[in-house]
Amino acid sequence: MTTSTDSMNSALKDRYLAHAHRIFVLLLAAGWLVLVSWGWSVRDQDYISASSGLGYYLGMSGGCMILLLLTYSLRKRVRALSNLFHLRYWFRLHMMLGVLAPTAILFHARFTMGSAVNSTVALVCLLTVASSGLIGRFLYNRVHAGVYGEKIKLVQVRRDFQTLHQAVLDLAVTDKQKERAEGVFDALEELIGSLDTATFAALVRNRHRARVIAQSLRTLLKAIEDYHEEHPEAHEELSKTRADIHNCADIMLAILNKLPGLHLFERLFALWHVVHLPIFGLMIITAITHVIVVHMY
């Protein structure tokens, strides 16, 4: 493969495969589950008090983190903050606070609703917003490349497939392999052309088509890899060729995973914003009301 193609493939890897370290995320999730499970199991014991000591400070810390969640929206909308760190770092902070704040407040509340109406309403609003945030995170991931990547656009996807098309043709050696490569990318173009319907029926139909294309792609790239293994003289650097094959497979499969429901999830993500923001505002109001009432009485 040429240097320019290598450079373009590197850019595609950065765009579509920029995932967080999965093992690290899984360890954090497991640790959080263990912590919350322990808190739930000892909720009836007097290990913590909401009105004093550690429980009080957990409540105040959770409240402060809820207010800090607003910084992500401010960073996106206030022009004066546009150059203050990259938006992805604000998004990471937003997600981290979205987990830490409910956790701190759950321990503050001892995993119970409490007897006061204001505390019950505040906790229900918090849990509703946290649940909504998880839904939003799922929808965000379906319409963006990678964990903190840019929004997926079909115009860009078409350009990227052209790059990958040329990369696969460079790797293919026999006429049969090149013919099969053309068939795979023709099917991809047809799939892209059928993505204008944002319905669950279209999602199921297109996901099936994407699976068929993905299987054809795997079979093709495996055949190319086997050919290079059997005929190392086809390319000078066998290890590099093998890496290029796997890179093409990883990038194309990552795109194929998100293409079928792109328009549907874009619409759902837009609707989620309409619902999430008012609930978030209500949570802020109820949290502030709760703090005022607790300190007044």
C-alpha atoms as a PDB file:
ATOM      1  CA  MET A   1       0.000   0.000   0.000  1.00  0.00           C
ATOM      2  CA  THR A   2       1.195   3.526  -0.722  1.00  0.00           C
ATOM      3  CA  THR A   3       2.229   6.049   1.902  1.00  0.00           C
ATOM      4  CA  SER A   4      -0.798   8.237   1.137  1.00  0.00           C
ATOM      5  CA  THR A   5      -3.141   5.269   1.585  1.00  0.00           C
ATOM      6  CA  ASP A   6      -1.410   4.380   4.863  1.00  0.00           C
ATOM      7  CA  SER A   7      -1.929   7.961   6.025  1.00  0.00           C
ATOM      8  CA  MET A   8      -5.610   7.892   5.088  1.00  0.00           C
ATOM      9  CA  ASN A   9      -6.098   4.551   6.859  1.00  0.00           C
ATOM     10  CA  SER A  10      -4.499   6.034   9.950  1.00  0.00           C
ATOM     11  CA  ALA A  11      -6.989   8.906   9.827  1.00  0.00           C
ATOM     12  CA  LEU A  12      -9.866   6.431   9.484  1.00  0.00           C
ATOM     13  CA  LYS A  13      -8.618   4.458  12.494  1.00  0.00           C
ATOM     14  CA  ASP A  14      -8.554   7.666  14.535  1.00  0.00           C
ATOM     15  CA  ARG A  15     -12.086   8.489  13.383  1.00  0.00           C
ATOM     16  CA  TYR A  16     -13.823   5.159  13.827  1.00  0.00           C
ATOM     17  CA  LEU A  17     -11.714   3.148  16.254  1.00  0.00           C
ATOM     18  CA  ALA A  18     -10.966   5.803  18.891  1.00  0.00           C
ATOM     19  CA  HIS A  19     -12.536   3.785  21.693  1.00  0.00           C
ATOM     20  CA  ALA A  20     -11.794   4.082  25.369  1.00  0.00           C
ATOM     21  CA  HIS A  21      -9.779   1.287  26.906  1.00  0.00           C
ATOM     22  CA  ARG A  22     -12.495  -1.329  27.306  1.00  0.00           C
ATOM     23  CA  ILE A  23     -10.781  -3.230  30.112  1.00  0.00           C
ATOM     24  CA  PHE A  24     -10.382  -0.015  32.118  1.00  0.00           C
ATOM     25  CA  VAL A  25     -14.049   0.894  31.580  1.00  0.00           C
ATOM     26  CA  LEU A  26     -15.192  -2.608  32.513  1.00  0.00           C
ATOM     27  CA  LEU A  27     -13.096  -2.532  35.702  1.00  0.00           C
ATOM     28  CA  LEU A  28     -14.592   0.812  36.675  1.00  0.00           C
ATOM     29  CA  ALA A  29     -18.112  -0.463  35.973  1.00  0.00           C
ATOM     30  CA  ALA A  30     -17.475  -3.602  38.020  1.00  0.00           C
ATOM     31  CA  GLY A  31     -16.082  -1.542  40.906  1.00  0.00           C
ATOM     32  CA  TRP A  32     -19.113   0.750  40.792  1.00  0.00           C
ATOM     33  CA  LEU A  33     -21.513  -2.216  40.842  1.00  0.00           C
ATOM     34  CA  VAL A  34     -19.706  -3.730  43.834  1.00  0.00           C
ATOM     35  CA  LEU A  35     -19.807  -0.406  45.696  1.00  0.00           C
ATOM     36  CA  VAL A  36     -23.495   0.213  45.020  1.00  0.00           C
ATOM     37  CA  SER A  37     -24.398  -3.393  45.854  1.00  0.00           C
ATOM     38  CA  TRP A  38     -22.607  -3.072  49.174  1.00  0.00           C
ATOM     39  CA  GLY A  39     -24.365   0.219  49.900  1.00  0.00           C
ATOM     40  CA  TRP A  40     -27.735  -1.352  49.145  1.00  0.00           C
ATOM     41  CA  SER A  41     -27.004  -4.365  51.367  1.00  0.00           C
ATOM     42  CA  VAL A  42     -26.195  -2.202  54.424  1.00  0.00           C
ATOM     43  CA  ARG A  43     -28.780   0.519  53.815  1.00  0.00           C
ATOM     44  CA  ASP A  44     -30.662  -0.333  57.036  1.00  0.00           C
ATOM     45  CA  GLN A  45     -27.576  -0.053  59.222  1.00  0.00           C
ATOM     46  CA  ASP A  46     -26.574   3.205  60.880  1.00  0.00           C
ATOM     47  CA  TYR A  47     -23.251   3.436  59.109  1.00  0.00           C
ATOM     48  CA  ILE A  48     -24.028   6.891  57.757  1.00  0.00           C
ATOM     49  CA  SER A  49     -26.266   9.852  58.569  1.00  0.00           C
ATOM     50  CA  ALA A  50     -27.674  12.198  55.957  1.00  0.00           C
ATOM     51  CA  SER A  51     -27.653  15.162  58.335  1.00  0.00           C
ATOM     52  CA  SER A  52     -24.091  14.995  59.630  1.00  0.00           C
ATOM     53  CA  GLY A  53     -20.603  13.708  59.040  1.00  0.00           C
ATOM     54  CA  LEU A  54     -19.755  11.741  55.929  1.00  0.00           C
ATOM     55  CA  GLY A  55     -23.375  11.445  54.784  1.00  0.00           C
ATOM     56  CA  TYR A  56     -23.828  15.217  54.874  1.00  0.00           C
ATOM     57  CA  TYR A  57     -20.648  15.853  52.916  1.00  0.00           C
ATOM     58  CA  LEU A  58     -21.590  13.208  50.355  1.00  0.00           C
ATOM     59  CA  GLY A  59     -24.887  15.019  49.815  1.00  0.00           C
ATOM     60  CA  MET A  60     -23.187  18.388  49.397  1.00  0.00           C
ATOM     61  CA  SER A  61     -20.548  16.879  47.097  1.00  0.00           C
ATOM     62  CA  GLY A  62     -23.259  15.269  44.983  1.00  0.00           C
ATOM     63  CA  GLY A  63     -25.103  18.584  44.758  1.00  0.00           C
ATOM     64  CA  CYS A  64     -21.954  20.411  43.667  1.00  0.00           C
ATOM     65  CA  MET A  65     -21.272  17.762  41.012  1.00  0.00           C
ATOM     66  CA  ILE A  66     -24.830  18.180  39.708  1.00  0.00           C
ATOM     67  CA  LEU A  67     -24.170  21.901  39.246  1.00  0.00           C
ATOM     68  CA  LEU A  68     -20.854  21.116  37.554  1.00  0.00           C
ATOM     69  CA  LEU A  69     -22.771  19.016  35.012  1.00  0.00           C
ATOM     70  CA  LEU A  70     -23.947  22.339  33.578  1.00  0.00           C
ATOM     71  CA  THR A  71     -20.400  23.224  32.520  1.00  0.00           C
ATOM     72  CA  TYR A  72     -20.630  20.898  29.518  1.00  0.00           C
ATOM     73  CA  SER A  73     -23.653  22.775  28.155  1.00  0.00           C
ATOM     74  CA  LEU A  74     -21.961  26.100  28.881  1.00  0.00           C
ATOM     75  CA  ARG A  75     -18.823  24.990  27.046  1.00  0.00           C
ATOM     76  CA  LYS A  76     -20.893  24.111  23.964  1.00  0.00           C
ATOM     77  CA  ARG A  77     -22.979  27.278  23.946  1.00  0.00           C
ATOM     78  CA  VAL A  78     -20.851  30.118  25.378  1.00  0.00           C
ATOM     79  CA  ARG A  79     -18.507  31.522  22.758  1.00  0.00           C
ATOM     80  CA  ALA A  80     -16.018  32.799  25.344  1.00  0.00           C
ATOM     81  CA  LEU A  81     -15.391  29.196  26.476  1.00  0.00           C
ATOM     82  CA  SER A  82     -14.974  27.737  22.969  1.00  0.00           C
ATOM     83  CA  ASN A  83     -11.166  27.618  23.240  1.00  0.00           C
ATOM     84  CA  LEU A  84     -11.058  26.280  26.797  1.00  0.00           C
ATOM     85  CA  PHE A  85      -9.928  22.657  26.325  1.00  0.00           C
ATOM     86  CA  HIS A  86     -11.279  20.328  23.652  1.00  0.00           C
ATOM     87  CA  LEU A  87     -14.980  19.488  23.900  1.00  0.00           C
ATOM     88  CA  ARG A  88     -14.227  15.773  24.305  1.00  0.00           C
ATOM     89  CA  TYR A  89     -12.595  16.458  27.697  1.00  0.00           C
ATOM     90  CA  TRP A  90     -15.686  18.329  28.867  1.00  0.00           C
ATOM     91  CA  PHE A  91     -17.787  15.414  27.679  1.00  0.00           C
ATOM     92  CA  ARG A  92     -15.651  12.961  29.638  1.00  0.00           C
ATOM     93  CA  LEU A  93     -16.030  15.134  32.737  1.00  0.00           C
ATOM     94  CA  HIS A  94     -19.779  15.315  32.125  1.00  0.00           C
ATOM     95  CA  MET A  95     -20.057  11.516  31.937  1.00  0.00           C
ATOM     96  CA  MET A  96     -17.885  11.010  35.014  1.00  0.00           C
ATOM     97  CA  LEU A  97     -19.908  13.482  37.071  1.00  0.00           C
ATOM     98  CA  GLY A  98     -23.095  11.875  35.760  1.00  0.00           C
ATOM     99  CA  VAL A  99     -22.029   8.663  37.510  1.00  0.00           C
ATOM    100  CA  LEU A 100     -20.387  10.095  40.640  1.00  0.00           C
ATOM    101  CA  ALA A 101     -23.162  12.544  41.549  1.00  0.00           C
ATOM    102  CA  PRO A 102     -26.018   9.984  41.740  1.00  0.00           C
ATOM    103  CA  THR A 103     -23.727   7.536  43.545  1.00  0.00           C
ATOM    104  CA  ALA A 104     -22.772  10.083  46.216  1.00  0.00           C
ATOM    105  CA  ILE A 105     -26.389  11.110  46.722  1.00  0.00           C
ATOM    106  CA  LEU A 106     -27.614   7.506  46.893  1.00  0.00           C
ATOM    107  CA  PHE A 107     -25.205   6.915  49.788  1.00  0.00           C
ATOM    108  CA  HIS A 108     -26.245  10.248  51.298  1.00  0.00           C
ATOM    109  CA  ALA A 109     -29.893   9.097  51.156  1.00  0.00           C
ATOM    110  CA  ARG A 110     -28.964   5.574  52.331  1.00  0.00           C
ATOM    111  CA  PHE A 111     -30.738   4.166  49.276  1.00  0.00           C
ATOM    112  CA  THR A 112     -34.138   5.207  50.632  1.00  0.00           C
ATOM    113  CA  MET A 113     -36.672   7.833  49.567  1.00  0.00           C
ATOM    114  CA  GLY A 114     -36.849   9.441  52.985  1.00  0.00           C
ATOM    115  CA  SER A 115     -39.857  10.788  54.844  1.00  0.00           C
ATOM    116  CA  ALA A 116     -39.850  14.355  53.525  1.00  0.00           C
ATOM    117  CA  VAL A 117     -41.649  15.110  50.270  1.00  0.00           C
ATOM    118  CA  ASN A 118     -38.904  17.424  48.969  1.00  0.00           C
ATOM    119  CA  SER A 119     -36.175  14.803  49.464  1.00  0.00           C
ATOM    120  CA  THR A 120     -38.287  12.130  47.745  1.00  0.00           C
ATOM    121  CA  VAL A 121     -39.003  14.372  44.751  1.00  0.00           C
ATOM    122  CA  ALA A 122     -35.343  15.406  44.509  1.00  0.00           C
ATOM    123  CA  LEU A 123     -34.139  11.792  44.565  1.00  0.00           C
ATOM    124  CA  VAL A 124     -36.730  10.649  42.005  1.00  0.00           C
ATOM    125  CA  CYS A 125     -35.718  13.498  39.675  1.00  0.00           C
ATOM    126  CA  LEU A 126     -32.048  12.607  40.116  1.00  0.00           C
ATOM    127  CA  LEU A 127     -32.580   8.934  39.323  1.00  0.00           C
ATOM    128  CA  THR A 128     -34.764   9.853  36.338  1.00  0.00           C
ATOM    129  CA  VAL A 129     -32.054  12.128  34.945  1.00  0.00           C
ATOM    130  CA  ALA A 130     -29.369   9.476  35.557  1.00  0.00           C
ATOM    131  CA  SER A 131     -31.457   6.866  33.724  1.00  0.00           C
ATOM    132  CA  SER A 132     -32.109   9.332  30.921  1.00  0.00           C
ATOM    133  CA  GLY A 133     -28.370   9.980  30.726  1.00  0.00           C
ATOM    134  CA  LEU A 134     -27.679   6.293  30.176  1.00  0.00           C
ATOM    135  CA  ILE A 135     -30.225   6.229  27.351  1.00  0.00           C
ATOM    136  CA  GLY A 136     -28.673   9.352  25.854  1.00  0.00           C
ATOM    137  CA  ARG A 137     -25.209   7.825  26.072  1.00  0.00           C
ATOM    138  CA  PHE A 138     -26.408   4.789  24.115  1.00  0.00           C
ATOM    139  CA  LEU A 139     -28.036   6.955  21.438  1.00  0.00           C
ATOM    140  CA  TYR A 140     -24.959   9.196  21.250  1.00  0.00           C
ATOM    141  CA  ASN A 141     -22.780   6.169  20.606  1.00  0.00           C
ATOM    142  CA  ARG A 142     -25.035   5.042  17.750  1.00  0.00           C
ATOM    143  CA  VAL A 143     -24.657   8.315  15.803  1.00  0.00           C
ATOM    144  CA  HIS A 144     -21.038   9.197  16.604  1.00  0.00           C
ATOM    145  CA  ALA A 145     -17.781   7.569  15.575  1.00  0.00           C
ATOM    146  CA  GLY A 146     -15.884   6.148  18.528  1.00  0.00           C
ATOM    147  CA  VAL A 147     -16.585   7.162  22.127  1.00  0.00           C
ATOM    148  CA  TYR A 148     -15.825  10.870  21.777  1.00  0.00           C
ATOM    149  CA  GLY A 149     -15.735  11.090  17.985  1.00  0.00           C
ATOM    150  CA  GLU A 150     -17.474  13.287  15.454  1.00  0.00           C
ATOM    151  CA  LYS A 151     -21.028  12.774  14.322  1.00  0.00           C
ATOM    152  CA  ILE A 152     -21.307  10.225  11.519  1.00  0.00           C
ATOM    153  CA  LYS A 153     -22.392  11.765   8.202  1.00  0.00           C
ATOM    154  CA  LEU A 154     -23.193   9.713   5.121  1.00  0.00           C
ATOM    155  CA  VAL A 155     -21.221  12.103   2.903  1.00  0.00           C
ATOM    156  CA  GLN A 156     -18.104  11.411   4.978  1.00  0.00           C
ATOM    157  CA  VAL A 157     -18.879   7.681   5.114  1.00  0.00           C
ATOM    158  CA  ARG A 158     -19.000   7.538   1.307  1.00  0.00           C
ATOM    159  CA  ARG A 159     -15.584   9.230   1.089  1.00  0.00           C
ATOM    160  CA  ASP A 160     -14.166   6.841   3.676  1.00  0.00           C
ATOM    161  CA  PHE A 161     -15.526   3.822   1.819  1.00  0.00           C
ATOM    162  CA  GLN A 162     -13.821   5.073  -1.346  1.00  0.00           C
ATOM    163  CA  THR A 163     -10.531   5.137   0.569  1.00  0.00           C
ATOM    164  CA  LEU A 164     -11.143   1.653   1.952  1.00  0.00           C
ATOM    165  CA  HIS A 165     -12.228   0.414  -1.479  1.00  0.00           C
ATOM    166  CA  GLN A 166      -8.883   1.424  -2.924  1.00  0.00           C
ATOM    167  CA  ALA A 167      -7.053  -0.060   0.074  1.00  0.00           C
ATOM    168  CA  VAL A 168      -8.769  -3.441  -0.394  1.00  0.00           C
ATOM    169  CA  LEU A 169      -8.057  -3.396  -4.143  1.00  0.00           C
ATOM    170  CA  ASP A 170      -4.386  -2.699  -3.352  1.00  0.00           C
ATOM    171  CA  LEU A 171      -4.349  -5.751  -1.099  1.00  0.00           C
ATOM    172  CA  ALA A 172      -6.200  -8.004  -3.547  1.00  0.00           C
ATOM    173  CA  VAL A 173      -3.988  -9.886  -5.960  1.00  0.00           C
ATOM    174  CA  THR A 174      -6.092 -12.134  -8.168  1.00  0.00           C
ATOM    175  CA  ASP A 175      -8.845 -11.015 -10.511  1.00  0.00           C
ATOM    176  CA  LYS A 176     -11.358 -13.066  -8.524  1.00  0.00           C
ATOM    177  CA  GLN A 177     -10.436 -11.216  -5.323  1.00  0.00           C
ATOM    178  CA  LYS A 178     -10.764  -7.859  -7.045  1.00  0.00           C
ATOM    179  CA  GLU A 179     -14.141  -8.884  -8.473  1.00  0.00           C
ATOM    180  CA  ARG A 180     -15.382  -9.933  -5.042  1.00  0.00           C
ATOM    181  CA  ALA A 181     -14.135  -6.637  -3.604  1.00  0.00           C
ATOM    182  CA  GLU A 182     -16.159  -4.731  -6.198  1.00  0.00           C
ATOM    183  CA  GLY A 183     -19.227  -6.774  -5.218  1.00  0.00           C
ATOM    184  CA  VAL A 184     -18.791  -5.950  -1.523  1.00  0.00           C
ATOM    185  CA  PHE A 185     -18.509  -2.222  -2.154  1.00  0.00           C
ATOM    186  CA  ASP A 186     -21.417  -2.227  -4.596  1.00  0.00           C
ATOM    187  CA  ALA A 187     -23.516  -3.808  -1.832  1.00  0.00           C
ATOM    188  CA  LEU A 188     -22.263  -1.157   0.591  1.00  0.00           C
ATOM    189  CA  GLU A 189     -23.327   1.615  -1.777  1.00  0.00           C
ATOM    190  CA  GLU A 190     -26.774   0.047  -2.064  1.00  0.00           C
ATOM    191  CA  LEU A 191     -27.001  -0.146   1.730  1.00  0.00           C
ATOM    192  CA  ILE A 192     -26.110   3.536   2.096  1.00  0.00           C
ATOM    193  CA  GLY A 193     -28.736   4.415  -0.519  1.00  0.00           C
ATOM    194  CA  SER A 194     -31.426   2.628   1.523  1.00  0.00           C
ATOM    195  CA  LEU A 195     -30.783   4.449   4.815  1.00  0.00           C
ATOM    196  CA  ASP A 196     -33.259   7.285   4.301  1.00  0.00           C
ATOM    197  CA  THR A 197     -36.077   5.611   6.282  1.00  0.00           C
ATOM    198  CA  ALA A 198     -36.020   6.144  10.052  1.00  0.00           C
ATOM    199  CA  THR A 199     -38.177   3.231  11.214  1.00  0.00           C
ATOM    200  CA  PHE A 200     -37.545   0.129  13.317  1.00  0.00           C
ATOM    201  CA  ALA A 201     -38.598  -2.068  10.367  1.00  0.00           C
ATOM    202  CA  ALA A 202     -35.933  -0.400   8.222  1.00  0.00           C
ATOM    203  CA  LEU A 203     -33.420  -0.851  11.043  1.00  0.00           C
ATOM    204  CA  VAL A 204     -34.066  -4.605  11.190  1.00  0.00           C
ATOM    205  CA  ARG A 205     -33.964  -4.930   7.400  1.00  0.00           C
ATOM    206  CA  ASN A 206     -30.771  -2.903   6.996  1.00  0.00           C
ATOM    207  CA  ARG A 207     -29.076  -4.622   9.914  1.00  0.00           C
ATOM    208  CA  HIS A 208     -29.621  -7.965   8.176  1.00  0.00           C
ATOM    209  CA  ARG A 209     -28.120  -6.546   4.969  1.00  0.00           C
ATOM    210  CA  ALA A 210     -25.175  -5.183   6.940  1.00  0.00           C
ATOM    211  CA  ARG A 211     -24.536  -8.623   8.491  1.00  0.00           C
ATOM    212  CA  VAL A 212     -24.492 -10.233   5.041  1.00  0.00           C
ATOM    213  CA  ILE A 213     -22.044  -7.590   3.786  1.00  0.00           C
ATOM    214  CA  ALA A 214     -19.884  -7.983   6.893  1.00  0.00           C
ATOM    215  CA  GLN A 215     -19.696 -11.736   6.384  1.00  0.00           C
ATOM    216  CA  SER A 216     -18.770 -11.278   2.719  1.00  0.00           C
ATOM    217  CA  LEU A 217     -16.101  -8.791   3.772  1.00  0.00           C
ATOM    218  CA  ARG A 218     -14.626 -11.168   6.353  1.00  0.00           C
ATOM    219  CA  THR A 219     -14.566 -14.006   3.826  1.00  0.00           C
ATOM    220  CA  LEU A 220     -12.890 -11.803   1.218  1.00  0.00           C
ATOM    221  CA  LEU A 221     -10.220 -10.450   3.557  1.00  0.00           C
ATOM    222  CA  LYS A 222      -9.546 -13.928   4.940  1.00  0.00           C
ATOM    223  CA  ALA A 223      -9.055 -15.182   1.370  1.00  0.00           C
ATOM    224  CA  ILE A 224      -6.657 -12.302   0.651  1.00  0.00           C
ATOM    225  CA  GLU A 225      -4.745 -12.973   3.866  1.00  0.00           C
ATOM    226  CA  ASP A 226      -4.494 -16.690   3.087  1.00  0.00           C
ATOM    227  CA  TYR A 227      -3.233 -15.913  -0.416  1.00  0.00           C
ATOM    228  CA  HIS A 228      -0.495 -13.663   0.969  1.00  0.00           C
ATOM    229  CA  GLU A 229       0.456 -16.352   3.485  1.00  0.00           C
ATOM    230  CA  GLU A 230       0.792 -18.883   0.676  1.00  0.00           C
ATOM    231  CA  HIS A 231       2.453 -16.448  -1.749  1.00  0.00           C
ATOM    232  CA  PRO A 232       4.671 -14.143   0.353  1.00  0.00           C
ATOM    233  CA  GLU A 233       6.284 -12.829  -2.824  1.00  0.00           C
ATOM    234  CA  ALA A 234       3.011 -10.996  -3.656  1.00  0.00           C
ATOM    235  CA  HIS A 235       4.029  -8.236  -1.219  1.00  0.00           C
ATOM    236  CA  GLU A 236       7.433  -7.509   0.211  1.00  0.00           C
ATOM    237  CA  GLU A 237       6.344  -7.062   3.847  1.00  0.00           C
ATOM    238  CA  LEU A 238       3.988  -9.850   4.844  1.00  0.00           C
ATOM    239  CA  SER A 239       3.473  -8.615   8.416  1.00  0.00           C
ATOM    240  CA  LYS A 240       2.558  -5.130   7.220  1.00  0.00           C
ATOM    241  CA  THR A 241       0.159  -6.557   4.651  1.00  0.00           C
ATOM    242  CA  ARG A 242      -1.496  -8.661   7.341  1.00  0.00           C
ATOM    243  CA  ALA A 243      -1.843  -5.567   9.568  1.00  0.00           C
ATOM    244  CA  ASP A 244      -3.344  -3.590   6.676  1.00  0.00           C
ATOM    245  CA  ILE A 245      -5.928  -6.333   6.099  1.00  0.00           C
ATOM    246  CA  HIS A 246      -6.974  -6.349   9.741  1.00  0.00           C
ATOM    247  CA  ASN A 247      -7.098  -2.539   9.846  1.00  0.00           C
ATOM    248  CA  CYS A 248      -9.424  -2.482   6.839  1.00  0.00           C
ATOM    249  CA  ALA A 249     -11.630  -5.136   8.439  1.00  0.00           C
ATOM    250  CA  ASP A 250     -11.813  -3.339  11.809  1.00  0.00           C
ATOM    251  CA  ILE A 251     -12.659   0.036  10.265  1.00  0.00           C
ATOM    252  CA  MET A 252     -15.286  -1.287   7.854  1.00  0.00           C
ATOM    253  CA  LEU A 253     -16.961  -3.473  10.485  1.00  0.00           C
ATOM    254  CA  ALA A 254     -17.080  -0.517  12.889  1.00  0.00           C
ATOM    255  CA  ILE A 255     -18.854   1.575  10.234  1.00  0.00           C
ATOM    256  CA  LEU A 256     -21.196  -1.257   9.265  1.00  0.00           C
ATOM    257  CA  ASN A 257     -22.195  -1.696  12.905  1.00  0.00           C
ATOM    258  CA  LYS A 258     -23.626   1.831  13.032  1.00  0.00           C
ATOM    259  CA  LEU A 259     -24.932   2.403   9.512  1.00  0.00           C
ATOM    260  CA  PRO A 260     -28.245   0.443   9.596  1.00  0.00           C
ATOM    261  CA  GLY A 261     -29.973   2.556  12.251  1.00  0.00           C
ATOM    262  CA  LEU A 262     -28.182   5.849  11.697  1.00  0.00           C
ATOM    263  CA  HIS A 263     -31.216   7.963  10.713  1.00  0.00           C
ATOM    264  CA  LEU A 264     -33.482   6.326  13.281  1.00  0.00           C
ATOM    265  CA  PHE A 265     -31.034   6.909  16.143  1.00  0.00           C
ATOM    266  CA  GLU A 266     -30.387  10.477  14.964  1.00  0.00           C
ATOM    267  CA  ARG A 267     -34.110  11.167  15.279  1.00  0.00           C
ATOM    268  CA  LEU A 268     -34.338   9.438  18.666  1.00  0.00           C
ATOM    269  CA  PHE A 269     -31.282  11.369  19.891  1.00  0.00           C
ATOM    270  CA  ALA A 270     -32.925  14.654  18.901  1.00  0.00           C
ATOM    271  CA  LEU A 271     -36.122  13.655  20.728  1.00  0.00           C
ATOM    272  CA  TRP A 272     -34.072  12.607  23.745  1.00  0.00           C
ATOM    273  CA  HIS A 273     -32.604  16.115  23.971  1.00  0.00           C
ATOM    274  CA  VAL A 274     -36.111  17.590  23.993  1.00  0.00           C
ATOM    275  CA  VAL A 275     -37.076  15.387  26.954  1.00  0.00           C
ATOM    276  CA  HIS A 276     -33.788  15.308  28.865  1.00  0.00           C
ATOM    277  CA  LEU A 277     -33.152  19.031  29.211  1.00  0.00           C
ATOM    278  CA  PRO A 278     -36.458  19.892  30.983  1.00  0.00           C
ATOM    279  CA  ILE A 279     -36.018  16.916  33.332  1.00  0.00           C
ATOM    280  CA  PHE A 280     -32.482  18.075  34.084  1.00  0.00           C
ATOM    281  CA  GLY A 281     -33.775  21.576  34.831  1.00  0.00           C
ATOM    282  CA  LEU A 282     -36.422  20.152  37.152  1.00  0.00           C
ATOM    283  CA  MET A 283     -33.734  18.133  38.942  1.00  0.00           C
ATOM    284  CA  ILE A 284     -31.670  21.299  39.528  1.00  0.00           C
ATOM    285  CA  ILE A 285     -34.703  23.112  40.959  1.00  0.00           C
ATOM    286  CA  THR A 286     -35.701  20.234  43.247  1.00  0.00           C
ATOM    287  CA  ALA A 287     -32.105  19.741  44.439  1.00  0.00           C
ATOM    288  CA  ILE A 288     -31.714  23.422  45.319  1.00  0.00           C
ATOM    289  CA  THR A 289     -35.121  23.391  47.037  1.00  0.00           C
ATOM    290  CA  HIS A 290     -34.111  20.324  49.034  1.00  0.00           C
ATOM    291  CA  VAL A 291     -30.864  21.960  50.227  1.00  0.00           C
ATOM    292  CA  ILE A 292     -32.690  25.153  51.230  1.00  0.00           C
ATOM    293  CA  VAL A 293     -35.442  23.296  53.100  1.00  0.00           C
ATOM    294  CA  VAL A 294     -32.959  21.062  54.937  1.00  0.00           C
ATOM    295  CA  HIS A 295     -30.867  24.007  56.131  1.00  0.00           C
ATOM    296  CA  MET A 296     -33.893  26.112  57.075  1.00  0.00           C
ATOM    297  CA  TYR A 297     -35.469  23.404  59.196  1.00  0.00           C
END
